[in-house]
Amino acid sequence: MTLPSPLFMAPVGVIGLCAQDGHGDLAAARAAARTGVPMITSTLTADPLEEVAAEFGDTPGFFQLYTPTDRDLAASLVSRAEAAGYKGIVVTLDTWIPGWRPRDLSTSNFPQLRGHCLSNYTSDPVFQRRLVAPAEVAPIPAGIAFAGVFQNPGLSWKQLPLIRANWDGPILLKGIQSPRDARLAVKHDIDGIVVSNHGGRQVDGAIASLDALPPIVKAVGDKMPVLFDSGIRTGSDAFKALALGADAVLIGRPYLYGLALDGQRGASTVMRMVVDELAEEVRKARRRSHRSLSRSSLTRAR
């Protein structure tokens, strides 16, 4: 597909709570429609994935999947995403169990256990069968049922055929950090990968995504697109990732800051600023397009 820039709005769970009206996912989707920057919708949304997709307009949308332990639920989520018109599935690999997050622990911050941002679960007929009274979804029982399917230590390459069987579009794997896993993705006919350490939120002291990127790009060659996220705050950050071989870059926290301050308009403003700054950095490097960036565009600080 042809896009106006090599940028995406990264999938971020629970952003429904970032907007003052509690519908941050819808506001972010409208920002994607207004800017032309595709959004990757998280599994953990305040509004069902179908309602989020309805706000994209002509901008393509992608759906991020936290693969649940319940195979029927996984198949249902993927099938719903296809029916809603999403253009790709982005399977997150590195969060089959939440990391040790002291900031969240110190504030008892786990909104899902209080029933927040579980609309894709509570609206799903497979998940509803796990509830005692699905017609009246109470927050706490929903959160407990969610916890029972979210942690998936059995997540492996063997589960990919299940997704393929229920999805005809491209599949990307998000959370690749090693050339070995990148080569395995090629071997399993994956359509693309996202080099990511989950914004540094899963493993304290993990390798920086920018350090992981060049060896992974070298490992896959031209066999698949390589996207990148984690640590991108500005257009110049995106410039560096593109120069090191990324085909596209995902923006996370910056658009959330705009969303929290001014809803859809705030998120749109932030994304436009990042797009414009990247274009300006490319011009200052005397390149006609970001596609002509390479390692020669950078100098490593010693």
Protein backbone atom coordinates (compact mmCIF):
# COMPACT_ATOMS: atom_id res chain seq x y z
CA MET A 1 0.00 0.00 0.00
CA THR A 2 1.08 3.57 -0.60
CA LEU A 3 1.23 5.80 2.48
CA PRO A 4 1.94 9.54 2.83
CA SER A 5 4.83 8.91 5.25
CA PRO A 6 6.83 6.01 6.74
CA LEU A 7 5.13 6.50 10.11
CA PHE A 8 2.50 4.52 12.02
CA MET A 9 0.67 5.18 15.26
CA ALA A 10 1.89 2.37 17.51
CA PRO A 11 -0.51 0.08 19.35
CA VAL A 12 -0.83 1.19 22.97
CA GLY A 13 -3.20 -0.53 25.36
CA VAL A 14 -5.61 1.30 27.65
CA ILE A 15 -5.37 4.60 25.76
CA GLY A 16 -9.13 4.87 26.09
CA LEU A 17 -8.41 6.30 29.54
CA CYS A 18 -6.10 8.98 28.11
CA ALA A 19 -8.96 11.00 26.65
CA GLN A 20 -11.11 13.07 28.96
CA ASP A 21 -14.27 11.43 27.67
CA GLY A 22 -12.88 7.91 28.14
CA HIS A 23 -12.88 7.14 24.40
CA GLY A 24 -9.22 7.67 23.54
CA ASP A 25 -9.12 4.88 20.96
CA LEU A 26 -11.87 6.55 18.91
CA ALA A 27 -10.11 9.91 19.13
CA ALA A 28 -6.80 8.36 18.04
CA ALA A 29 -8.54 6.66 15.11
CA ARG A 30 -10.00 10.00 14.03
CA ALA A 31 -6.51 11.51 14.25
CA ALA A 32 -5.28 8.72 11.95
CA ALA A 33 -8.07 9.54 9.50
CA ARG A 34 -7.21 13.24 9.57
CA THR A 35 -3.43 12.84 9.16
CA GLY A 36 -3.27 9.76 6.93
CA VAL A 37 -0.94 8.05 9.42
CA PRO A 38 -2.16 4.46 9.93
CA MET A 39 -3.08 3.42 13.46
CA ILE A 40 -2.48 -0.02 14.95
CA THR A 41 -5.40 -0.65 17.30
CA SER A 42 -4.57 -2.43 20.55
CA THR A 43 -6.46 -5.46 21.82
CA LEU A 44 -7.03 -3.45 25.02
CA THR A 45 -9.45 -0.75 23.93
CA ALA A 46 -12.26 1.11 25.65
CA ASP A 47 -14.44 0.69 22.56
CA PRO A 48 -14.82 -2.46 20.42
CA LEU A 49 -12.42 -2.89 17.52
CA GLU A 50 -15.28 -2.54 15.03
CA GLU A 51 -16.18 0.93 16.33
CA VAL A 52 -12.54 2.01 16.22
CA ALA A 53 -12.18 0.78 12.62
CA ALA A 54 -15.27 2.77 11.61
CA GLU A 55 -13.39 6.00 12.42
CA PHE A 56 -10.40 5.39 10.10
CA GLY A 57 -11.98 6.80 6.95
CA ASP A 58 -9.64 6.17 4.00
CA THR A 59 -6.60 5.61 6.22
CA PRO A 60 -5.71 1.92 6.59
CA GLY A 61 -5.88 0.48 10.09
CA PHE A 62 -4.11 -2.50 11.64
CA PHE A 63 -5.09 -4.66 14.62
CA GLN A 64 -2.63 -5.67 17.34
CA LEU A 65 -3.28 -9.07 18.87
CA TYR A 66 -2.42 -10.26 22.35
CA THR A 67 -2.83 -13.96 21.61
CA PRO A 68 -5.05 -15.41 24.38
CA THR A 69 -4.75 -18.92 25.75
CA ASP A 70 -8.27 -19.67 24.52
CA ARG A 71 -7.83 -20.73 20.87
CA ASP A 72 -11.47 -20.06 20.04
CA LEU A 73 -11.18 -16.54 21.44
CA ALA A 74 -8.02 -15.91 19.42
CA ALA A 75 -9.77 -17.07 16.26
CA SER A 76 -12.78 -14.90 17.05
CA LEU A 77 -10.73 -11.74 17.58
CA VAL A 78 -8.84 -12.25 14.33
CA SER A 79 -12.01 -12.99 12.38
CA ARG A 80 -13.68 -9.87 13.79
CA ALA A 81 -10.68 -7.76 12.77
CA GLU A 82 -10.90 -9.06 9.22
CA ALA A 83 -14.64 -8.43 9.04
CA ALA A 84 -14.10 -4.88 10.36
CA GLY A 85 -11.71 -4.08 7.51
CA TYR A 86 -8.33 -4.05 9.23
CA LYS A 87 -5.47 -4.41 6.74
CA GLY A 88 -3.00 -6.35 8.89
CA ILE A 89 -2.59 -8.26 12.14
CA VAL A 90 0.31 -7.30 14.41
CA VAL A 91 1.00 -10.08 16.90
CA THR A 92 2.77 -8.89 20.06
CA LEU A 93 5.30 -11.47 21.23
CA ASP A 94 6.91 -9.94 24.30
CA THR A 95 3.96 -9.43 26.64
CA TRP A 96 2.45 -12.86 27.17
CA ILE A 97 2.91 -11.91 30.81
CA PRO A 98 3.25 -8.32 32.13
CA GLY A 99 6.77 -7.25 33.05
CA TRP A 100 7.84 -6.15 36.52
CA ARG A 101 6.81 -2.50 36.45
CA PRO A 102 7.55 -0.75 39.77
CA ARG A 103 5.73 2.44 38.78
CA ASP A 104 2.54 0.51 38.07
CA LEU A 105 2.94 -1.61 41.18
CA SER A 106 3.46 1.40 43.45
CA THR A 107 0.18 2.95 42.27
CA SER A 108 -1.77 -0.34 41.93
CA ASN A 109 -2.18 0.54 38.26
CA PHE A 110 -3.77 -2.39 36.43
CA PRO A 111 -7.00 -0.97 34.96
CA GLN A 112 -7.94 -4.23 33.24
CA LEU A 113 -8.46 -5.99 36.57
CA ARG A 114 -11.06 -3.30 37.33
CA GLY A 115 -12.77 -4.02 34.04
CA HIS A 116 -11.39 -1.06 32.05
CA CYS A 117 -10.51 -1.25 28.34
CA LEU A 118 -11.75 -4.81 27.89
CA SER A 119 -14.40 -4.03 25.28
CA ASN A 120 -12.91 -6.41 22.72
CA TYR A 121 -13.31 -9.19 25.25
CA THR A 122 -16.69 -8.35 26.73
CA SER A 123 -18.17 -7.82 23.26
CA ASP A 124 -16.89 -11.17 22.05
CA PRO A 125 -19.30 -14.14 22.13
CA VAL A 126 -16.50 -16.60 22.91
CA PHE A 127 -15.33 -14.57 25.90
CA GLN A 128 -18.90 -14.07 27.07
CA ARG A 129 -19.24 -17.82 27.49
CA ARG A 130 -16.56 -17.62 30.17
CA LEU A 131 -18.68 -15.24 32.25
CA VAL A 132 -21.30 -16.35 34.73
CA ALA A 133 -23.75 -13.63 33.64
CA PRO A 134 -22.64 -12.39 30.19
CA ALA A 135 -25.75 -10.25 29.74
CA GLU A 136 -24.64 -8.04 32.64
CA VAL A 137 -20.87 -7.78 32.44
CA ALA A 138 -19.62 -6.58 35.82
CA PRO A 139 -16.15 -4.98 35.84
CA ILE A 140 -14.47 -7.20 38.44
CA PRO A 141 -15.67 -10.56 37.03
CA ALA A 142 -14.67 -9.38 33.54
CA GLY A 143 -11.22 -8.44 34.80
CA ILE A 144 -10.78 -11.82 36.47
CA ALA A 145 -11.90 -13.65 33.33
CA PHE A 146 -9.49 -11.53 31.27
CA ALA A 147 -6.59 -12.46 33.57
CA GLY A 148 -7.43 -16.10 32.96
CA VAL A 149 -6.86 -15.87 29.21
CA PHE A 150 -4.25 -13.10 28.87
CA GLN A 151 -1.14 -14.75 30.34
CA ASN A 152 0.02 -17.15 27.64
CA PRO A 153 3.32 -18.87 28.46
CA GLY A 154 2.61 -21.35 25.68
CA LEU A 155 2.86 -18.71 22.96
CA SER A 156 5.02 -20.17 20.18
CA TRP A 157 5.46 -20.47 16.44
CA LYS A 158 2.99 -23.36 16.54
CA GLN A 159 0.11 -20.94 17.10
CA LEU A 160 0.66 -19.05 13.85
CA PRO A 161 -1.40 -21.50 11.72
CA LEU A 162 -4.42 -20.67 13.89
CA ILE A 163 -4.10 -17.01 12.93
CA ARG A 164 -3.50 -17.86 9.27
CA ALA A 165 -6.63 -20.01 9.22
CA ASN A 166 -8.78 -17.07 10.29
CA TRP A 167 -7.02 -14.23 8.52
CA ASP A 168 -6.25 -13.65 4.82
CA GLY A 169 -4.15 -10.48 5.13
CA PRO A 170 -0.55 -9.80 6.15
CA ILE A 171 0.74 -10.85 9.58
CA LEU A 172 3.49 -8.95 11.39
CA LEU A 173 5.33 -10.04 14.52
CA LYS A 174 6.07 -7.28 17.04
CA GLY A 175 8.80 -7.66 19.64
CA ILE A 176 11.61 -9.14 17.56
CA GLN A 177 14.97 -8.39 19.18
CA SER A 178 17.39 -10.92 17.69
CA PRO A 179 18.54 -11.84 14.16
CA ARG A 180 17.75 -15.48 14.94
CA ASP A 181 14.07 -14.76 15.54
CA ALA A 182 14.01 -12.53 12.48
CA ARG A 183 15.29 -15.40 10.34
CA LEU A 184 12.70 -17.70 11.91
CA ALA A 185 10.01 -15.21 10.92
CA VAL A 186 11.21 -15.45 7.32
CA LYS A 187 11.20 -19.24 7.57
CA HIS A 188 7.58 -19.21 8.79
CA ASP A 189 6.46 -16.95 5.91
CA ILE A 190 5.63 -13.99 8.13
CA ASP A 191 4.89 -10.83 6.14
CA GLY A 192 6.80 -8.36 8.30
CA ILE A 193 8.36 -7.76 11.72
CA VAL A 194 8.51 -4.92 14.22
CA VAL A 195 11.81 -4.52 16.05
CA SER A 196 10.67 -3.47 19.52
CA ASN A 197 11.46 -3.84 23.22
CA HIS A 198 7.94 -2.70 24.16
CA GLY A 199 9.15 0.81 24.90
CA GLY A 200 11.53 -0.55 27.54
CA ARG A 201 8.56 -1.54 29.72
CA GLN A 202 8.96 -5.30 29.81
CA VAL A 203 12.59 -6.07 30.73
CA ASP A 204 14.63 -3.50 32.63
CA GLY A 205 18.04 -3.27 30.97
CA ALA A 206 16.96 -4.96 27.72
CA ILE A 207 18.90 -4.19 24.56
CA ALA A 208 17.92 -0.88 23.02
CA SER A 209 15.81 -1.39 19.93
CA LEU A 210 18.05 0.95 17.92
CA ASP A 211 21.04 -1.31 18.72
CA ALA A 212 19.04 -4.41 17.78
CA LEU A 213 17.87 -2.95 14.46
CA PRO A 214 20.93 -3.10 12.13
CA PRO A 215 21.78 -6.80 12.73
CA ILE A 216 18.13 -7.73 12.19
CA VAL A 217 17.92 -5.72 8.95
CA LYS A 218 21.05 -7.51 7.76
CA ALA A 219 19.62 -10.91 8.74
CA VAL A 220 16.39 -10.56 6.74
CA GLY A 221 17.77 -8.63 3.78
CA ASP A 222 14.96 -7.81 1.36
CA LYS A 223 12.86 -10.83 2.34
CA MET A 224 10.37 -8.83 4.44
CA PRO A 225 9.65 -5.30 5.66
CA VAL A 226 11.24 -4.33 8.98
CA LEU A 227 9.32 -1.83 11.09
CA PHE A 228 10.68 -0.23 14.25
CA ASP A 229 9.48 1.19 17.55
CA SER A 230 10.57 2.04 21.10
CA GLY A 231 12.12 5.34 22.05
CA ILE A 232 10.85 7.37 19.08
CA ARG A 233 9.87 10.84 20.26
CA THR A 234 10.71 13.11 17.31
CA GLY A 235 11.15 13.16 13.56
CA SER A 236 14.92 13.09 14.02
CA ASP A 237 14.55 9.87 16.03
CA ALA A 238 12.58 8.38 13.15
CA PHE A 239 15.29 9.60 10.75
CA LYS A 240 17.90 7.54 12.62
CA ALA A 241 15.82 4.36 12.54
CA LEU A 242 15.11 4.75 8.82
CA ALA A 243 18.79 5.40 8.13
CA LEU A 244 19.65 2.18 9.98
CA GLY A 245 17.38 0.18 7.70
CA ALA A 246 13.83 0.36 9.05
CA ASP A 247 11.12 0.53 6.39
CA ALA A 248 8.71 2.35 8.71
CA VAL A 249 8.61 3.67 12.26
CA LEU A 250 5.92 3.42 14.94
CA ILE A 251 5.24 6.42 17.20
CA GLY A 252 3.86 5.68 20.67
CA ARG A 253 3.94 7.98 23.66
CA PRO A 254 4.11 11.35 21.85
CA TYR A 255 0.64 11.02 20.32
CA LEU A 256 -0.69 9.88 23.70
CA TYR A 257 0.56 13.12 25.26
CA GLY A 258 -1.34 15.07 22.59
CA LEU A 259 -4.38 12.87 23.11
CA ALA A 260 -4.40 13.49 26.85
CA LEU A 261 -4.06 17.24 26.42
CA ASP A 262 -6.46 17.88 23.56
CA GLY A 263 -8.12 14.69 22.36
CA GLN A 264 -8.26 14.03 18.63
CA ARG A 265 -6.92 17.48 17.80
CA GLY A 266 -3.94 16.98 20.13
CA ALA A 267 -3.05 13.61 18.68
CA SER A 268 -3.37 14.97 15.13
CA THR A 269 -1.15 17.94 15.96
CA VAL A 270 1.58 15.71 17.38
CA MET A 271 1.56 13.33 14.43
CA ARG A 272 1.68 16.20 11.94
CA MET A 273 4.64 17.68 13.81
CA VAL A 274 6.55 14.39 13.71
CA VAL A 275 5.79 13.89 9.99
CA ASP A 276 6.91 17.45 9.20
CA GLU A 277 10.05 17.21 11.30
CA LEU A 278 11.06 13.96 9.61
CA ALA A 279 10.55 15.54 6.18
CA GLU A 280 12.66 18.53 7.25
CA GLU A 281 15.46 16.27 8.55
CA VAL A 282 15.50 14.41 5.23
CA ARG A 283 15.79 17.72 3.35
CA LYS A 284 18.59 18.92 5.61
CA ALA A 285 20.45 15.69 4.83
CA ARG A 286 20.14 16.67 1.14
CA ARG A 287 18.10 13.58 0.29
CA ARG A 288 15.08 13.57 -1.98
CA SER A 289 13.27 10.91 0.06
CA HIS A 290 13.57 8.91 3.27
CA ARG A 291 14.05 5.87 1.02
CA SER A 292 17.51 7.13 0.09
CA LEU A 293 18.67 7.29 3.72
CA SER A 294 21.45 4.92 4.76
CA ARG A 295 24.16 4.54 7.36
CA SER A 296 26.12 7.21 5.48
CA SER A 297 23.45 9.67 6.66
CA LEU A 298 24.62 9.17 10.27
CA THR A 299 27.77 9.54 12.30
CA ARG A 300 28.09 7.38 15.40
CA ALA A 301 29.13 9.31 18.50
CA ARG A 302 32.25 7.87 20.11
